[in-house]
Amino acid sequence: MVQLSEEQKRDLEAAAFRRLVDHLRQRTDVQNIDLMNLAGFCRNCLSNWYRDAAEADDIDISKEESREIVYGMPYAEWQAKYQLEAPADKKAAFEVNRPKDH
């Protein structure tokens, strides 16, 4: 296995994160509840993890700011443009599979 410096690892991880965020921004057809039910995380989780990392480095980022970083726009705007009402079966699946921190 290739040996990476800590700086190389950080840079590659950052690039992968940016690519994931860009992918999620492009896939507005994929609802957060679908992500949660299939993968156990969603855009909101990603924004929470971003904020947690910022707070660990004593950087104060609000919930709305971290969501805007992930969504590429204010969360309320994304909701109005792309979020659909989840069907009852998806809501029920979410309640069964819901992570403890939600």
N, C-alpha and C. Protein backbone atom coordinates (compact mmCIF):
# COMPACT_ATOMS: atom_id res chain seq x y z
N MET A 1 0.85 -1.18 0.00
CA MET A 1 0.00 0.00 0.00
C MET A 1 0.89 1.24 0.00
N VAL A 2 0.47 2.24 -0.73
CA VAL A 2 1.24 3.48 -0.81
C VAL A 2 1.26 4.17 0.54
N GLN A 3 2.39 4.72 0.88
CA GLN A 3 2.54 5.47 2.12
C GLN A 3 2.27 6.94 1.85
N LEU A 4 1.29 7.50 2.52
CA LEU A 4 0.93 8.90 2.35
C LEU A 4 1.32 9.68 3.59
N SER A 5 1.75 10.90 3.35
CA SER A 5 2.00 11.79 4.48
C SER A 5 0.66 12.24 5.04
N GLU A 6 0.67 12.77 6.24
CA GLU A 6 -0.57 13.27 6.83
C GLU A 6 -1.15 14.39 5.96
N GLU A 7 -0.30 15.20 5.40
CA GLU A 7 -0.77 16.29 4.52
C GLU A 7 -1.41 15.72 3.26
N GLN A 8 -0.82 14.70 2.66
CA GLN A 8 -1.40 14.07 1.48
C GLN A 8 -2.75 13.44 1.81
N LYS A 9 -2.82 12.73 2.94
CA LYS A 9 -4.09 12.13 3.35
C LYS A 9 -5.15 13.20 3.52
N ARG A 10 -4.80 14.30 4.20
CA ARG A 10 -5.76 15.39 4.41
C ARG A 10 -6.23 15.96 3.09
N ASP A 11 -5.30 16.18 2.16
CA ASP A 11 -5.66 16.75 0.86
C ASP A 11 -6.56 15.82 0.06
N LEU A 12 -6.25 14.53 0.09
CA LEU A 12 -7.08 13.57 -0.64
C LEU A 12 -8.46 13.43 0.00
N GLU A 13 -8.50 13.40 1.32
CA GLU A 13 -9.80 13.34 2.01
C GLU A 13 -10.62 14.58 1.72
N ALA A 14 -9.98 15.74 1.70
CA ALA A 14 -10.70 16.99 1.39
C ALA A 14 -11.24 16.96 -0.04
N ALA A 15 -10.45 16.44 -0.97
CA ALA A 15 -10.91 16.35 -2.36
C ALA A 15 -12.09 15.39 -2.48
N ALA A 16 -12.02 14.27 -1.76
CA ALA A 16 -13.14 13.32 -1.79
C ALA A 16 -14.39 13.94 -1.18
N PHE A 17 -14.23 14.69 -0.10
CA PHE A 17 -15.36 15.38 0.53
C PHE A 17 -15.98 16.37 -0.46
N ARG A 18 -15.14 17.17 -1.11
CA ARG A 18 -15.67 18.16 -2.07
C ARG A 18 -16.41 17.46 -3.20
N ARG A 19 -15.90 16.33 -3.66
CA ARG A 19 -16.56 15.59 -4.73
C ARG A 19 -17.90 15.03 -4.25
N LEU A 20 -17.95 14.51 -3.04
CA LEU A 20 -19.21 14.01 -2.49
C LEU A 20 -20.23 15.14 -2.38
N VAL A 21 -19.82 16.28 -1.86
CA VAL A 21 -20.73 17.41 -1.72
C VAL A 21 -21.23 17.85 -3.09
N ASP A 22 -20.33 17.94 -4.07
CA ASP A 22 -20.75 18.33 -5.41
C ASP A 22 -21.73 17.31 -5.99
N HIS A 23 -21.46 16.03 -5.78
CA HIS A 23 -22.36 14.98 -6.26
C HIS A 23 -23.75 15.13 -5.64
N LEU A 24 -23.80 15.35 -4.33
CA LEU A 24 -25.09 15.51 -3.66
C LEU A 24 -25.82 16.77 -4.13
N ARG A 25 -25.07 17.82 -4.44
CA ARG A 25 -25.70 19.04 -4.96
C ARG A 25 -26.32 18.80 -6.33
N GLN A 26 -25.66 17.97 -7.14
CA GLN A 26 -26.17 17.66 -8.47
C GLN A 26 -27.38 16.72 -8.42
N ARG A 27 -27.43 15.86 -7.42
CA ARG A 27 -28.48 14.85 -7.31
C ARG A 27 -29.62 15.34 -6.41
N THR A 28 -30.21 16.45 -6.80
CA THR A 28 -31.32 17.00 -6.03
C THR A 28 -32.55 16.09 -6.09
N ASP A 29 -32.55 15.14 -7.03
CA ASP A 29 -33.66 14.19 -7.12
C ASP A 29 -33.62 13.18 -5.98
N VAL A 30 -32.48 13.01 -5.36
CA VAL A 30 -32.34 12.06 -4.25
C VAL A 30 -32.69 12.79 -2.96
N GLN A 31 -33.75 12.34 -2.33
CA GLN A 31 -34.23 12.97 -1.10
C GLN A 31 -33.39 12.52 0.09
N ASN A 32 -33.30 13.38 1.10
CA ASN A 32 -32.55 13.02 2.30
C ASN A 32 -33.09 11.76 2.96
N ILE A 33 -34.39 11.58 2.97
CA ILE A 33 -34.95 10.38 3.60
C ILE A 33 -34.51 9.12 2.87
N ASP A 34 -34.33 9.22 1.55
CA ASP A 34 -33.83 8.07 0.78
C ASP A 34 -32.39 7.75 1.19
N LEU A 35 -31.58 8.80 1.32
CA LEU A 35 -30.20 8.62 1.77
C LEU A 35 -30.16 7.99 3.16
N MET A 36 -30.99 8.51 4.06
CA MET A 36 -31.02 7.98 5.42
C MET A 36 -31.43 6.52 5.44
N ASN A 37 -32.46 6.19 4.68
CA ASN A 37 -32.97 4.82 4.70
C ASN A 37 -32.00 3.84 4.05
N LEU A 38 -31.24 4.29 3.08
CA LEU A 38 -30.33 3.39 2.38
C LEU A 38 -28.91 3.40 2.97
N ALA A 39 -28.44 4.57 3.38
CA ALA A 39 -27.04 4.69 3.78
C ALA A 39 -26.84 5.06 5.24
N GLY A 40 -27.90 5.49 5.89
CA GLY A 40 -27.77 5.86 7.30
C GLY A 40 -27.22 7.25 7.54
N PHE A 41 -27.13 8.05 6.49
CA PHE A 41 -26.73 9.45 6.63
C PHE A 41 -27.36 10.24 5.49
N CYS A 42 -27.40 11.55 5.66
CA CYS A 42 -27.96 12.42 4.62
C CYS A 42 -27.16 13.72 4.57
N ARG A 43 -27.64 14.66 3.79
CA ARG A 43 -26.96 15.95 3.66
C ARG A 43 -26.89 16.65 5.02
N ASN A 44 -27.96 16.56 5.80
CA ASN A 44 -27.97 17.20 7.11
C ASN A 44 -26.91 16.58 8.03
N CYS A 45 -26.77 15.26 7.97
CA CYS A 45 -25.73 14.59 8.76
C CYS A 45 -24.36 15.12 8.36
N LEU A 46 -24.13 15.20 7.06
CA LEU A 46 -22.85 15.68 6.57
C LEU A 46 -22.58 17.10 7.06
N SER A 47 -23.60 17.95 7.04
CA SER A 47 -23.41 19.32 7.52
C SER A 47 -23.16 19.33 9.03
N ASN A 48 -23.80 18.43 9.76
CA ASN A 48 -23.55 18.32 11.21
C ASN A 48 -22.12 17.87 11.48
N TRP A 49 -21.63 16.90 10.71
CA TRP A 49 -20.26 16.42 10.88
C TRP A 49 -19.27 17.54 10.56
N TYR A 50 -19.58 18.34 9.56
CA TYR A 50 -18.73 19.48 9.19
C TYR A 50 -18.67 20.46 10.37
N ARG A 51 -19.82 20.76 10.93
CA ARG A 51 -19.89 21.68 12.07
C ARG A 51 -19.16 21.10 13.28
N ASP A 52 -19.30 19.82 13.53
CA ASP A 52 -18.59 19.17 14.62
C ASP A 52 -17.08 19.31 14.44
N ALA A 53 -16.60 19.11 13.22
CA ALA A 53 -15.17 19.25 12.94
C ALA A 53 -14.71 20.68 13.16
N ALA A 54 -15.53 21.63 12.75
CA ALA A 54 -15.19 23.05 12.96
C ALA A 54 -15.11 23.35 14.46
N GLU A 55 -16.11 22.88 15.19
CA GLU A 55 -16.12 23.13 16.64
C GLU A 55 -14.93 22.49 17.34
N ALA A 56 -14.48 21.32 16.85
CA ALA A 56 -13.31 20.66 17.43
C ALA A 56 -12.06 21.51 17.25
N ASP A 57 -12.07 22.36 16.23
CA ASP A 57 -10.95 23.28 15.99
C ASP A 57 -11.26 24.69 16.47
N ASP A 58 -12.26 24.81 17.36
CA ASP A 58 -12.66 26.10 17.92
C ASP A 58 -13.08 27.12 16.86
N ILE A 59 -13.75 26.62 15.82
CA ILE A 59 -14.30 27.50 14.77
C ILE A 59 -15.81 27.48 14.95
N ASP A 60 -16.39 28.65 15.11
CA ASP A 60 -17.82 28.76 15.37
C ASP A 60 -18.57 28.87 14.04
N ILE A 61 -19.25 27.79 13.67
CA ILE A 61 -20.08 27.77 12.47
C ILE A 61 -21.48 27.37 12.91
N SER A 62 -22.46 28.13 12.48
CA SER A 62 -23.84 27.83 12.86
C SER A 62 -24.37 26.64 12.05
N LYS A 63 -25.47 26.10 12.51
CA LYS A 63 -26.14 25.01 11.81
C LYS A 63 -26.52 25.44 10.39
N GLU A 64 -27.06 26.64 10.28
CA GLU A 64 -27.45 27.13 8.95
C GLU A 64 -26.24 27.35 8.05
N GLU A 65 -25.14 27.83 8.61
CA GLU A 65 -23.93 28.02 7.81
C GLU A 65 -23.37 26.70 7.31
N SER A 66 -23.34 25.70 8.18
CA SER A 66 -22.81 24.40 7.74
C SER A 66 -23.74 23.76 6.71
N ARG A 67 -25.03 23.94 6.86
CA ARG A 67 -25.96 23.41 5.85
C ARG A 67 -25.78 24.11 4.52
N GLU A 68 -25.56 25.41 4.53
CA GLU A 68 -25.35 26.13 3.27
C GLU A 68 -24.08 25.65 2.58
N ILE A 69 -23.06 25.31 3.35
CA ILE A 69 -21.82 24.78 2.78
C ILE A 69 -22.10 23.47 2.05
N VAL A 70 -22.90 22.61 2.64
CA VAL A 70 -23.21 21.31 2.03
C VAL A 70 -24.22 21.44 0.90
N TYR A 71 -25.27 22.19 1.12
CA TYR A 71 -26.34 22.30 0.11
C TYR A 71 -26.00 23.25 -1.04
N GLY A 72 -25.06 24.16 -0.82
CA GLY A 72 -24.71 25.12 -1.86
C GLY A 72 -25.69 26.29 -1.95
N MET A 73 -26.57 26.38 -0.98
CA MET A 73 -27.58 27.44 -0.91
C MET A 73 -28.19 27.37 0.48
N PRO A 74 -28.92 28.40 0.88
CA PRO A 74 -29.60 28.30 2.18
C PRO A 74 -30.53 27.07 2.20
N TYR A 75 -30.56 26.41 3.34
CA TYR A 75 -31.34 25.18 3.49
C TYR A 75 -32.81 25.41 3.13
N ALA A 76 -33.39 26.51 3.58
CA ALA A 76 -34.80 26.79 3.30
C ALA A 76 -35.04 26.89 1.78
N GLU A 77 -34.08 27.46 1.07
CA GLU A 77 -34.20 27.56 -0.38
C GLU A 77 -34.15 26.17 -1.02
N TRP A 78 -33.23 25.32 -0.56
CA TRP A 78 -33.13 23.95 -1.09
C TRP A 78 -34.43 23.20 -0.82
N GLN A 79 -34.96 23.33 0.40
CA GLN A 79 -36.20 22.65 0.74
C GLN A 79 -37.33 23.09 -0.20
N ALA A 80 -37.44 24.40 -0.42
CA ALA A 80 -38.52 24.91 -1.27
C ALA A 80 -38.39 24.43 -2.71
N LYS A 81 -37.17 24.31 -3.20
CA LYS A 81 -36.94 23.90 -4.59
C LYS A 81 -37.02 22.40 -4.80
N TYR A 82 -36.50 21.62 -3.85
CA TYR A 82 -36.27 20.20 -4.13
C TYR A 82 -36.90 19.19 -3.17
N GLN A 83 -37.21 19.60 -1.97
CA GLN A 83 -37.70 18.61 -1.00
C GLN A 83 -39.16 18.27 -1.23
N LEU A 84 -39.43 16.98 -1.29
CA LEU A 84 -40.79 16.49 -1.48
C LEU A 84 -41.30 15.92 -0.16
N GLU A 85 -42.59 15.83 -0.02
CA GLU A 85 -43.18 15.17 1.15
C GLU A 85 -42.89 13.68 1.04
N ALA A 86 -42.34 13.11 2.07
CA ALA A 86 -42.00 11.69 2.06
C ALA A 86 -43.25 10.85 2.23
N PRO A 87 -43.35 9.77 1.45
CA PRO A 87 -44.48 8.86 1.62
C PRO A 87 -44.41 8.16 2.98
N ALA A 88 -45.55 7.68 3.43
CA ALA A 88 -45.66 7.05 4.75
C ALA A 88 -44.71 5.87 4.91
N ASP A 89 -44.51 5.08 3.85
CA ASP A 89 -43.62 3.92 3.97
C ASP A 89 -42.17 4.33 4.20
N LYS A 90 -41.74 5.43 3.58
CA LYS A 90 -40.37 5.91 3.79
C LYS A 90 -40.22 6.51 5.19
N LYS A 91 -41.25 7.18 5.66
CA LYS A 91 -41.21 7.73 7.03
C LYS A 91 -41.14 6.59 8.05
N ALA A 92 -41.91 5.54 7.82
CA ALA A 92 -41.90 4.40 8.74
C ALA A 92 -40.54 3.71 8.73
N ALA A 93 -39.95 3.55 7.55
CA ALA A 93 -38.62 2.93 7.45
C ALA A 93 -37.59 3.79 8.17
N PHE A 94 -37.72 5.10 8.05
CA PHE A 94 -36.79 5.99 8.74
C PHE A 94 -36.89 5.82 10.25
N GLU A 95 -38.09 5.72 10.77
CA GLU A 95 -38.27 5.57 12.22
C GLU A 95 -37.64 4.26 12.72
N VAL A 96 -37.70 3.22 11.93
CA VAL A 96 -37.09 1.95 12.31
C VAL A 96 -35.56 2.04 12.29
N ASN A 97 -35.02 2.71 11.27
CA ASN A 97 -33.58 2.75 11.04
C ASN A 97 -32.91 4.02 11.54
N ARG A 98 -33.66 4.90 12.13
CA ARG A 98 -33.15 6.22 12.54
C ARG A 98 -31.91 6.10 13.42
N PRO A 99 -30.84 6.82 13.05
CA PRO A 99 -29.66 6.83 13.93
C PRO A 99 -30.00 7.46 15.28
N LYS A 100 -29.31 7.07 16.29
CA LYS A 100 -29.59 7.55 17.65
C LYS A 100 -29.40 9.04 17.79
N ASP A 101 -28.56 9.66 16.97
CA ASP A 101 -28.29 11.10 17.12
C ASP A 101 -29.26 11.97 16.32
N HIS A 102 -30.35 11.39 15.83
CA HIS A 102 -31.36 12.18 15.10
C HIS A 102 -32.60 12.33 15.93
